[in-house]
PDB file of N, CA and C in Angstrom:
ATOM      1  N   MET A   1      19.352 -24.220  23.914  1.00  0.00           N
ATOM      2  CA  MET A   1      20.073 -24.042  22.494  1.00  0.00           C
ATOM      3  C   MET A   1      20.666 -22.685  22.141  1.00  0.00           C
ATOM      4  N   ASP A   2      19.766 -21.798  22.224  1.00  0.00           N
ATOM      5  CA  ASP A   2      20.258 -20.647  22.070  1.00  0.00           C
ATOM      6  C   ASP A   2      21.399 -19.897  23.040  1.00  0.00           C
ATOM      7  N   VAL A   3      21.384 -20.553  24.266  1.00  0.00           N
ATOM      8  CA  VAL A   3      22.728 -19.705  25.128  1.00  0.00           C
ATOM      9  C   VAL A   3      24.061 -20.624  24.413  1.00  0.00           C
ATOM     10  N   ASN A   4      23.610 -21.675  24.368  1.00  0.00           N
ATOM     11  CA  ASN A   4      24.994 -22.334  23.822  1.00  0.00           C
ATOM     12  C   ASN A   4      25.422 -21.517  22.618  1.00  0.00           C
ATOM     13  N   VAL A   5      25.017 -20.861  21.566  1.00  0.00           N
ATOM     14  CA  VAL A   5      25.213 -20.471  20.296  1.00  0.00           C
ATOM     15  C   VAL A   5      25.424 -18.835  20.813  1.00  0.00           C
ATOM     16  N   SER A   6      25.085 -18.227  21.861  1.00  0.00           N
ATOM     17  CA  SER A   6      25.382 -17.118  22.317  1.00  0.00           C
ATOM     18  C   SER A   6      26.573 -17.357  23.131  1.00  0.00           C
ATOM     19  N   ALA A   7      27.495 -17.831  23.584  1.00  0.00           N
ATOM     20  CA  ALA A   7      28.438 -18.094  24.388  1.00  0.00           C
ATOM     21  C   ALA A   7      29.387 -18.850  23.338  1.00  0.00           C
ATOM     22  N   THR A   8      28.963 -19.363  22.199  1.00  0.00           N
ATOM     23  CA  THR A   8      30.103 -19.231  21.912  1.00  0.00           C
ATOM     24  C   THR A   8      30.182 -18.396  20.710  1.00  0.00           C
ATOM     25  N   GLN A   9      29.308 -17.614  19.929  1.00  0.00           N
ATOM     26  CA  GLN A   9      29.512 -16.569  19.877  1.00  0.00           C
ATOM     27  C   GLN A   9      30.346 -15.433  20.342  1.00  0.00           C
ATOM     28  N   GLN A  10      30.406 -15.331  21.479  1.00  0.00           N
ATOM     29  CA  GLN A  10      30.800 -14.314  22.195  1.00  0.00           C
ATOM     30  C   GLN A  10      32.648 -14.518  22.140  1.00  0.00           C
ATOM     31  N   PRO A  11      33.039 -15.542  22.206  1.00  0.00           N
ATOM     32  CA  PRO A  11      34.832 -15.502  21.998  1.00  0.00           C
ATOM     33  C   PRO A  11      35.157 -15.381  21.016  1.00  0.00           C
ATOM     34  N   MET A  12      34.223 -15.097  19.843  1.00  0.00           N
ATOM     35  CA  MET A  12      34.918 -14.823  18.554  1.00  0.00           C
ATOM     36  C   MET A  12      34.435 -13.441  18.010  1.00  0.00           C
ATOM     37  N   GLN A  13      33.626 -12.891  18.732  1.00  0.00           N
ATOM     38  CA  GLN A  13      33.423 -11.230  18.711  1.00  0.00           C
ATOM     39  C   GLN A  13      34.748 -10.484  19.582  1.00  0.00           C
ATOM     40  N   GLN A  14      34.992 -11.297  20.424  1.00  0.00           N
ATOM     41  CA  GLN A  14      36.208 -10.789  21.398  1.00  0.00           C
ATOM     42  C   GLN A  14      37.407 -11.307  20.608  1.00  0.00           C
ATOM     43  N   LEU A  15      37.764 -12.397  20.090  1.00  0.00           N
ATOM     44  CA  LEU A  15      38.785 -12.615  18.839  1.00  0.00           C
ATOM     45  C   LEU A  15      38.949 -11.419  17.948  1.00  0.00           C
ATOM     46  N   ASN A  16      37.756 -11.129  17.570  1.00  0.00           N
ATOM     47  CA  ASN A  16      37.498 -10.259  16.009  1.00  0.00           C
ATOM     48  C   ASN A  16      38.279  -9.188  16.488  1.00  0.00           C
ATOM     49  N   SER A  17      37.765  -8.257  17.577  1.00  0.00           N
ATOM     50  CA  SER A  17      38.369  -6.843  18.008  1.00  0.00           C
ATOM     51  C   SER A  17      39.462  -6.786  18.492  1.00  0.00           C
ATOM     52  N   SER A  18      40.614  -7.926  18.720  1.00  0.00           N
ATOM     53  CA  SER A  18      42.024  -7.963  19.297  1.00  0.00           C
ATOM     54  C   SER A  18      42.305  -8.109  17.529  1.00  0.00           C
ATOM     55  N   PRO A  19      43.786  -7.147  17.678  1.00  0.00           N
ATOM     56  CA  PRO A  19      44.565  -7.510  16.429  1.00  0.00           C
ATOM     57  C   PRO A  19      44.847  -8.779  15.687  1.00  0.00           C
ATOM     58  N   SER A  20      44.856  -8.830  14.574  1.00  0.00           N
ATOM     59  CA  SER A  20      45.238  -9.667  13.888  1.00  0.00           C
ATOM     60  C   SER A  20      47.156  -9.983  13.858  1.00  0.00           C
ATOM     61  N   LEU A  21      47.713 -11.200  13.826  1.00  0.00           N
ATOM     62  CA  LEU A  21      48.800 -11.482  13.736  1.00  0.00           C
ATOM     63  C   LEU A  21      49.619 -10.614  12.964  1.00  0.00           C
ATOM     64  N   GLU A  22      48.950 -10.427  11.619  1.00  0.00           N
ATOM     65  CA  GLU A  22      49.609  -9.560  10.709  1.00  0.00           C
ATOM     66  C   GLU A  22      50.154  -8.064  11.047  1.00  0.00           C
ATOM     67  N   ASP A  23      48.894  -7.705  11.773  1.00  0.00           N
ATOM     68  CA  ASP A  23      48.683  -6.281  11.891  1.00  0.00           C
ATOM     69  C   ASP A  23      50.002  -6.350  13.093  1.00  0.00           C
ATOM     70  N   LEU A  24      49.724  -7.442  14.140  1.00  0.00           N
ATOM     71  CA  LEU A  24      50.826  -7.124  15.651  1.00  0.00           C
ATOM     72  C   LEU A  24      52.233  -6.789  14.666  1.00  0.00           C
ATOM     73  N   VAL A  25      52.566  -8.106  14.052  1.00  0.00           N
ATOM     74  CA  VAL A  25      53.997  -7.988  12.939  1.00  0.00           C
ATOM     75  C   VAL A  25      54.075  -6.863  12.099  1.00  0.00           C
ATOM     76  N   GLN A  26      53.537  -6.001  11.132  1.00  0.00           N
ATOM     77  CA  GLN A  26      53.311  -4.572  10.797  1.00  0.00           C
ATOM     78  C   GLN A  26      53.719  -3.860  11.977  1.00  0.00           C
ATOM     79  N   GLN A  27      52.816  -4.149  13.432  1.00  0.00           N
ATOM     80  CA  GLN A  27      53.018  -2.883  13.857  1.00  0.00           C
ATOM     81  C   GLN A  27      54.339  -3.286  14.766  1.00  0.00           C
ATOM     82  N   PHE A  28      55.084  -4.077  15.301  1.00  0.00           N
ATOM     83  CA  PHE A  28      56.200  -4.199  15.394  1.00  0.00           C
ATOM     84  C   PHE A  28      57.457  -4.076  14.145  1.00  0.00           C
ATOM     85  N   GLN A  29      57.079  -3.998  13.030  1.00  0.00           N
ATOM     86  CA  GLN A  29      58.090  -3.783  12.001  1.00  0.00           C
ATOM     87  C   GLN A  29      57.968  -2.479  11.720  1.00  0.00           C
ATOM     88  N   GLN A  30      57.146  -1.609  12.044  1.00  0.00           N
ATOM     89  CA  GLN A  30      56.753  -0.291  12.039  1.00  0.00           C
ATOM     90  C   GLN A  30      57.830   0.551  13.696  1.00  0.00           C
ATOM     91  N   ASN A  31      57.565  -0.191  14.627  1.00  0.00           N
ATOM     92  CA  ASN A  31      58.111   0.096  15.860  1.00  0.00           C
ATOM     93  C   ASN A  31      59.799   0.107  15.750  1.00  0.00           C
ATOM     94  N   ASN A  32      59.893  -1.231  15.379  1.00  0.00           N
ATOM     95  CA  ASN A  32      61.241  -1.381  14.931  1.00  0.00           C
ATOM     96  C   ASN A  32      62.145  -0.338  14.172  1.00  0.00           C
ATOM     97  N   MET A  33      61.306  -0.031  12.964  1.00  0.00           N
ATOM     98  CA  MET A  33      62.260   0.924  12.134  1.00  0.00           C
ATOM     99  C   MET A  33      62.175   2.309  12.923  1.00  0.00           C
ATOM    100  N   GLN A  34      61.275   2.578  13.404  1.00  0.00           N
ATOM    101  CA  GLN A  34      61.468   4.072  14.130  1.00  0.00           C
ATOM    102  C   GLN A  34      62.437   4.279  15.043  1.00  0.00           C
ATOM    103  N   PHE A  35      62.404   2.378  15.620  1.00  0.00           N
ATOM    104  CA  PHE A  35      63.939   2.504  16.552  1.00  0.00           C
ATOM    105  C   PHE A  35      64.944   2.707  15.935  1.00  0.00           C
ATOM    106  N   GLN A  36      65.092   2.291  14.908  1.00  0.00           N
ATOM    107  CA  GLN A  36      66.367   1.990  14.287  1.00  0.00           C
ATOM    108  C   GLN A  36      66.963   3.720  14.072  1.00  0.00           C
ATOM    109  N   GLN A  37      65.757   4.160  13.201  1.00  0.00           N
ATOM    110  CA  GLN A  37      65.739   5.302  12.668  1.00  0.00           C
ATOM    111  C   GLN A  37      66.358   6.358  14.197  1.00  0.00           C
ATOM    112  N   ASN A  38      65.691   6.334  15.330  1.00  0.00           N
ATOM    113  CA  ASN A  38      66.188   7.082  16.342  1.00  0.00           C
ATOM    114  C   ASN A  38      67.544   6.737  16.551  1.00  0.00           C
ATOM    115  N   THR A  39      67.562   5.252  16.302  1.00  0.00           N
ATOM    116  CA  THR A  39      69.239   4.881  17.504  1.00  0.00           C
ATOM    117  C   THR A  39      70.408   5.680  15.764  1.00  0.00           C
ATOM    118  N   ILE A  40      70.022   5.610  14.578  1.00  0.00           N
ATOM    119  CA  ILE A  40      71.356   5.942  13.939  1.00  0.00           C
ATOM    120  C   ILE A  40      71.091   7.488  13.983  1.00  0.00           C
ATOM    121  N   GLN A  41      70.126   8.503  14.406  1.00  0.00           N
ATOM    122  CA  GLN A  41      70.198   9.725  14.316  1.00  0.00           C
ATOM    123  C   GLN A  41      70.940  10.214  16.170  1.00  0.00           C
ATOM    124  N   ASN A  42      70.638   9.568  16.987  1.00  0.00           N
ATOM    125  CA  ASN A  42      71.223   9.227  18.259  1.00  0.00           C
ATOM    126  C   ASN A  42      72.689   9.187  18.210  1.00  0.00           C
ATOM    127  N   ASN A  43      73.352   8.256  17.146  1.00  0.00           N
ATOM    128  CA  ASN A  43      74.507   7.807  16.896  1.00  0.00           C
ATOM    129  C   ASN A  43      75.171   8.848  16.061  1.00  0.00           C
ATOM    130  N   MET A  44      74.340   9.149  15.345  1.00  0.00           N
ATOM    131  CA  MET A  44      75.250  10.242  14.955  1.00  0.00           C
ATOM    132  C   MET A  44      75.567  11.513  15.230  1.00  0.00           C
ATOM    133  N   GLN A  45      74.719  12.213  15.935  1.00  0.00           N
ATOM    134  CA  GLN A  45      74.800  13.515  16.651  1.00  0.00           C
ATOM    135  C   GLN A  45      75.938  13.452  17.817  1.00  0.00           C
ATOM    136  N   PHE A  46      75.991  11.816  18.625  1.00  0.00           N
ATOM    137  CA  PHE A  46      76.805  11.460  19.348  1.00  0.00           C
ATOM    138  C   PHE A  46      78.098  11.800  18.539  1.00  0.00           C
ATOM    139  N   GLN A  47      78.199  11.308  17.642  1.00  0.00           N
ATOM    140  CA  GLN A  47      79.113  11.022  17.004  1.00  0.00           C
ATOM    141  C   GLN A  47      79.850  12.528  16.407  1.00  0.00           C
ATOM    142  N   GLN A  48      79.300  13.351  16.269  1.00  0.00           N
ATOM    143  CA  GLN A  48      79.422  15.098  16.145  1.00  0.00           C
ATOM    144  C   GLN A  48      79.695  15.890  17.842  1.00  0.00           C
ATOM    145  N   ASN A  49      79.224  15.164  18.273  1.00  0.00           N
ATOM    146  CA  ASN A  49      79.677  15.775  19.684  1.00  0.00           C
ATOM    147  C   ASN A  49      81.285  15.441  19.962  1.00  0.00           C
ATOM    148  N   ILE A  50      81.036  14.186  19.883  1.00  0.00           N
ATOM    149  CA  ILE A  50      82.901  13.719  20.139  1.00  0.00           C
ATOM    150  C   ILE A  50      84.078  14.307  19.474  1.00  0.00           C
ATOM    151  N   ILE A  51      83.331  14.296  17.812  1.00  0.00           N
ATOM    152  CA  ILE A  51      84.346  14.800  17.504  1.00  0.00           C
ATOM    153  C   ILE A  51      84.707  16.920  17.363  1.00  0.00           C
ATOM    154  N   ALA A  52      83.287  16.970  17.907  1.00  0.00           N
ATOM    155  CA  ALA A  52      83.424  18.535  18.722  1.00  0.00           C
ATOM    156  C   ALA A  52      84.471  19.060  19.492  1.00  0.00           C
ATOM    157  N   THR A  53      83.904  17.633  20.677  1.00  0.00           N
ATOM    158  CA  THR A  53      84.519  17.852  21.634  1.00  0.00           C
ATOM    159  C   THR A  53      86.324  17.224  21.836  1.00  0.00           C
ATOM    160  N   MET A  54      86.668  16.323  20.656  1.00  0.00           N
ATOM    161  CA  MET A  54      87.914  16.574  20.484  1.00  0.00           C
ATOM    162  C   MET A  54      88.495  17.240  19.824  1.00  0.00           C
ATOM    163  N   GLN A  55      88.201  18.241  19.051  1.00  0.00           N
ATOM    164  CA  GLN A  55      88.577  19.446  18.275  1.00  0.00           C
ATOM    165  C   GLN A  55      89.257  20.657  19.426  1.00  0.00           C
ATOM    166  N   GLU A  56      87.883  20.811  20.337  1.00  0.00           N
ATOM    167  CA  GLU A  56      88.068  21.845  21.591  1.00  0.00           C
ATOM    168  C   GLU A  56      89.157  21.237  22.621  1.00  0.00           C
ATOM    169  N   LEU A  57      89.228  19.813  22.773  1.00  0.00           N
ATOM    170  CA  LEU A  57      90.621  19.092  23.506  1.00  0.00           C
ATOM    171  C   LEU A  57      91.593  19.710  22.983  1.00  0.00           C
ATOM    172  N   THR A  58      91.817  19.274  21.384  1.00  0.00           N
ATOM    173  CA  THR A  58      93.441  19.660  20.794  1.00  0.00           C
ATOM    174  C   THR A  58      93.672  21.097  20.917  1.00  0.00           C
ATOM    175  N   ALA A  59      92.671  21.747  20.954  1.00  0.00           N
ATOM    176  CA  ALA A  59      92.844  23.581  20.712  1.00  0.00           C
ATOM    177  C   ALA A  59      93.440  24.084  21.961  1.00  0.00           C
ATOM    178  N   GLN A  60      92.865  23.100  23.177  1.00  0.00           N
ATOM    179  CA  GLN A  60      93.047  23.343  24.740  1.00  0.00           C
ATOM    180  C   GLN A  60      94.617  23.145  24.808  1.00  0.00           C
ATOM    181  N   ILE A  61      94.801  21.788  24.552  1.00  0.00           N
ATOM    182  CA  ILE A  61      96.212  21.288  24.622  1.00  0.00           C
ATOM    183  C   ILE A  61      97.337  22.301  24.322  1.00  0.00           C
ATOM    184  N   GLY A  62      96.711  22.276  22.673  1.00  0.00           N
ATOM    185  CA  GLY A  62      97.607  23.357  22.131  1.00  0.00           C
ATOM    186  C   GLY A  62      98.176  24.758  23.021  1.00  0.00           C
ATOM    187  N   GLN A  63      97.363  24.746  23.589  1.00  0.00           N
ATOM    188  CA  GLN A  63      97.068  26.174  24.338  1.00  0.00           C
ATOM    189  C   GLN A  63      98.746  25.890  25.447  1.00  0.00           C
ATOM    190  N   LEU A  64      97.850  25.072  26.372  1.00  0.00           N
ATOM    191  CA  LEU A  64      98.592  24.770  27.338  1.00  0.00           C
ATOM    192  C   LEU A  64     100.233  23.896  26.389  1.00  0.00           C
ATOM    193  N   ALA A  65     100.237  23.719  25.407  1.00  0.00           N
ATOM    194  CA  ALA A  65     101.931  23.451  24.658  1.00  0.00           C
ATOM    195  C   ALA A  65     102.526  25.039  25.422  1.00  0.00           C
ATOM    196  N   THR A  66     101.480  25.863  24.287  1.00  0.00           N
ATOM    197  CA  THR A  66     102.492  27.084  24.139  1.00  0.00           C
ATOM    198  C   THR A  66     102.293  27.815  25.733  1.00  0.00           C
ATOM    199  N   THR A  67     101.679  27.542  26.833  1.00  0.00           N
ATOM    200  CA  THR A  67     101.772  27.936  27.742  1.00  0.00           C
ATOM    201  C   THR A  67     103.302  27.919  28.510  1.00  0.00           C
ATOM    202  N   ILE A  68     103.071  26.532  28.637  1.00  0.00           N
ATOM    203  CA  ILE A  68     104.580  25.657  29.268  1.00  0.00           C
ATOM    204  C   ILE A  68     105.874  25.863  28.626  1.00  0.00           C
ATOM    205  N   ASN A  69     105.888  26.195  27.428  1.00  0.00           N
ATOM    206  CA  ASN A  69     106.706  26.449  26.474  1.00  0.00           C
ATOM    207  C   ASN A  69     107.385  28.247  27.320  1.00  0.00           C
ATOM    208  N   GLN A  70     106.193  29.148  26.794  1.00  0.00           N
ATOM    209  CA  GLN A  70     106.591  30.143  27.322  1.00  0.00           C
ATOM    210  C   GLN A  70     107.260  30.335  29.138  1.00  0.00           C
ATOM    211  N   LEU A  71     106.236  29.902  29.905  1.00  0.00           N
ATOM    212  CA  LEU A  71     107.443  29.548  31.002  1.00  0.00           C
ATOM    213  C   LEU A  71     108.271  29.144  31.241  1.00  0.00           C
ATOM    214  N   GLN A  72     108.461  28.011  30.658  1.00  0.00           N
ATOM    215  CA  GLN A  72     110.227  27.539  30.343  1.00  0.00           C
ATOM    216  C   GLN A  72     111.054  28.425  30.006  1.00  0.00           C
ATOM    217  N   PHE A  73     110.565  29.303  29.275  1.00  0.00           N
ATOM    218  CA  PHE A  73     111.941  29.938  28.500  1.00  0.00           C
ATOM    219  C   PHE A  73     112.065  31.098  29.875  1.00  0.00           C
ATOM    220  N   GLU A  74     110.926  31.700  30.130  1.00  0.00           N
ATOM    221  CA  GLU A  74     110.880  32.478  31.009  1.00  0.00           C
ATOM    222  C   GLU A  74     111.450  32.728  32.684  1.00  0.00           C
ATOM    223  N   ASP A  75     111.521  31.554  32.592  1.00  0.00           N
ATOM    224  CA  ASP A  75     112.179  30.361  33.982  1.00  0.00           C
ATOM    225  C   ASP A  75     114.060  30.456  33.624  1.00  0.00           C
ATOM    226  N   PHE A  76     114.289  30.580  32.382  1.00  0.00           N
ATOM    227  CA  PHE A  76     115.711  30.460  32.381  1.00  0.00           C
ATOM    228  C   PHE A  76     115.956  31.434  30.969  1.00  0.00           C
ATOM    229  N   GLY A  77     115.065  32.519  31.763  1.00  0.00           N
ATOM    230  CA  GLY A  77     115.542  34.206  31.219  1.00  0.00           C
ATOM    231  C   GLY A  77     115.404  34.558  29.828  1.00  0.00           C
ATOM    232  N   GLN A  78     114.947  33.565  28.928  1.00  0.00           N
ATOM    233  CA  GLN A  78     115.010  33.372  27.828  1.00  0.00           C
ATOM    234  C   GLN A  78     113.602  33.820  26.777  1.00  0.00           C
ATOM    235  N   VAL A  79     113.477  34.209  25.728  1.00  0.00           N
ATOM    236  CA  VAL A  79     112.310  35.000  25.028  1.00  0.00           C
ATOM    237  C   VAL A  79     112.315  33.708  24.056  1.00  0.00           C
ATOM    238  N   PRO A  80     111.219  33.200  24.613  1.00  0.00           N
ATOM    239  CA  PRO A  80     110.784  32.089  22.387  1.00  0.00           C
ATOM    240  C   PRO A  80     110.775  32.146  21.470  1.00  0.00           C
ATOM    241  N   SER A  81     111.949  31.761  20.740  1.00  0.00           N
ATOM    242  CA  SER A  81     111.590  31.848  19.177  1.00  0.00           C
ATOM    243  C   SER A  81     110.272  32.084  18.571  1.00  0.00           C
TER     244      SER A  81
END
């Protein structure tokens, strides 16, 4: 009889050592919240990088337009106004 009692107590002790459903849900919520915060931060950084890149490209396009304009006037022997 003692063997049966200890056999039934063993699984209960193992169950008690594993996290409860509530603990698992709470951990999931914390992990999910951290993931969302990281995603928001990464998206904001990405948007800032895109804006900076677009500004650099706009400046470079302006420089190209100026250079092309100067070359066109040089080809025709005129000075840009």
